[in-house]
Amino acid sequence: MKTMRLIVLGLLVMVAVTATGCATMRNTPAQDLALERWQTCDHFATVNLERIDLDGRIVVTAYEHEVAPFTACVREAAAGQRGREAGALPQALVLVKLFGCQGGAS
């Protein structure tokens, strides 16, 4: 009986620690701005979001014919964000992994 209580108590402590850790995980200001840029430009059929890095770089996979229009959209969205974040100029950093190219998505 005592062993069972210790196991339950240990599990409760692990759940509490995990929940606290997840609650403190937030996006950086650069990631928040990059997410807004992604949402603005998320209308290209072959461009898929892979991740947004801590520095705000948007990493996507895409076919080559949509790379230039997508990156232009991201740059335009970043220009619209300037001045909103005190002390930070949003940078339109985009890394595109081309479908079918060596090292990119297959």
Protein backbone atom coordinates (compact mmCIF):
# COMPACT_ATOMS: atom_id res chain seq x y z
CA MET A 1 0.00 0.00 0.00
CA LYS A 2 2.82 2.38 0.90
CA THR A 3 4.63 1.54 -2.35
CA MET A 4 1.49 2.33 -4.34
CA ARG A 5 1.21 5.75 -2.65
CA LEU A 6 4.84 6.51 -3.48
CA ILE A 7 4.29 5.55 -7.12
CA VAL A 8 1.18 7.73 -7.38
CA LEU A 9 2.94 10.64 -5.67
CA GLY A 10 5.92 10.26 -7.99
CA LEU A 11 3.66 10.27 -11.04
CA LEU A 12 1.84 13.38 -9.80
CA VAL A 13 5.16 15.18 -9.30
CA MET A 14 6.30 14.20 -12.81
CA VAL A 15 3.04 15.47 -14.33
CA ALA A 16 3.32 18.76 -12.43
CA VAL A 17 6.92 19.31 -13.52
CA THR A 18 6.09 18.50 -17.14
CA ALA A 19 3.08 20.82 -17.15
CA THR A 20 5.15 23.64 -15.67
CA GLY A 21 7.88 23.13 -18.25
CA CYS A 22 5.41 23.26 -21.14
CA ALA A 23 3.74 26.37 -19.77
CA THR A 24 7.02 28.27 -19.82
CA MET A 25 7.76 27.39 -23.46
CA ARG A 26 6.77 30.43 -25.48
CA ASN A 27 7.69 31.75 -28.89
CA THR A 28 10.37 34.37 -29.17
CA PRO A 29 9.24 37.80 -30.46
CA ALA A 30 10.99 36.96 -33.75
CA GLN A 31 8.99 33.72 -34.01
CA ASP A 32 5.72 35.55 -33.35
CA LEU A 33 6.47 38.02 -36.16
CA ALA A 34 7.54 35.20 -38.49
CA LEU A 35 4.32 33.32 -37.73
CA GLU A 36 2.33 36.39 -38.77
CA ARG A 37 4.34 36.56 -42.01
CA TRP A 38 3.71 32.87 -42.64
CA GLN A 39 -0.03 33.28 -42.06
CA THR A 40 -0.10 36.22 -44.47
CA CYS A 41 1.71 34.25 -47.18
CA ASP A 42 0.17 30.81 -46.61
CA HIS A 43 -1.68 30.75 -49.93
CA PHE A 44 0.84 29.05 -52.20
CA ALA A 45 -0.18 25.52 -53.14
CA THR A 46 3.25 23.86 -52.94
CA VAL A 47 4.77 25.83 -50.05
CA ASN A 48 4.60 23.89 -46.78
CA LEU A 49 5.81 25.14 -43.42
CA GLU A 50 8.45 22.93 -41.85
CA ARG A 51 9.34 25.11 -38.85
CA ILE A 52 10.02 28.62 -37.62
CA ASP A 53 13.44 28.97 -36.02
CA LEU A 54 14.10 30.97 -32.84
CA ASP A 55 15.61 33.82 -34.90
CA GLY A 56 12.41 34.08 -36.97
CA ARG A 57 13.65 32.21 -40.02
CA ILE A 58 10.80 30.50 -41.84
CA VAL A 59 11.81 27.07 -43.12
CA VAL A 60 9.58 25.68 -45.85
CA THR A 61 9.51 23.02 -48.53
CA ALA A 62 8.29 24.04 -51.97
CA TYR A 63 8.50 23.57 -55.68
CA GLU A 64 10.84 25.96 -57.45
CA HIS A 65 8.14 27.84 -59.39
CA GLU A 66 6.65 29.25 -56.16
CA VAL A 67 9.87 30.16 -54.34
CA ALA A 68 10.25 33.70 -55.76
CA PRO A 69 6.61 34.74 -55.25
CA PHE A 70 6.59 33.28 -51.74
CA THR A 71 9.80 35.00 -50.63
CA ALA A 72 8.54 38.28 -52.15
CA CYS A 73 5.32 37.91 -50.14
CA VAL A 74 7.31 37.29 -46.94
CA ARG A 75 9.50 40.37 -47.60
CA GLU A 76 6.41 42.49 -48.19
CA ALA A 77 4.77 41.19 -45.01
CA ALA A 78 7.96 41.97 -43.03
CA ALA A 79 7.99 45.51 -44.42
CA GLY A 80 4.47 45.95 -43.07
CA GLN A 81 5.61 44.83 -39.62
CA ARG A 82 8.42 47.38 -39.27
CA GLY A 83 7.89 49.71 -36.37
CA ARG A 84 5.44 47.41 -34.58
CA GLU A 85 8.08 45.69 -32.47
CA ALA A 86 10.11 48.16 -30.43
CA GLY A 87 13.81 47.89 -31.12
CA ALA A 88 13.50 45.03 -33.57
CA LEU A 89 13.34 45.12 -37.32
CA PRO A 90 11.70 42.00 -38.62
CA GLN A 91 13.88 40.20 -41.11
CA ALA A 92 12.36 38.24 -43.95
CA LEU A 93 14.56 35.18 -43.51
CA VAL A 94 13.35 32.22 -45.54
CA LEU A 95 15.02 28.87 -46.09
CA VAL A 96 13.39 26.89 -48.88
CA LYS A 97 14.00 23.19 -49.34
CA LEU A 98 13.09 22.38 -52.93
CA PHE A 99 11.11 19.23 -53.62
CA GLY A 100 13.08 16.78 -55.71
CA CYS A 101 16.49 18.40 -55.12
CA GLN A 102 19.33 16.68 -53.36
CA GLY A 103 19.15 17.48 -49.66
CA GLY A 104 15.54 18.69 -49.89
CA ALA A 105 12.26 16.95 -49.40
CA SER A 106 11.53 14.02 -51.70
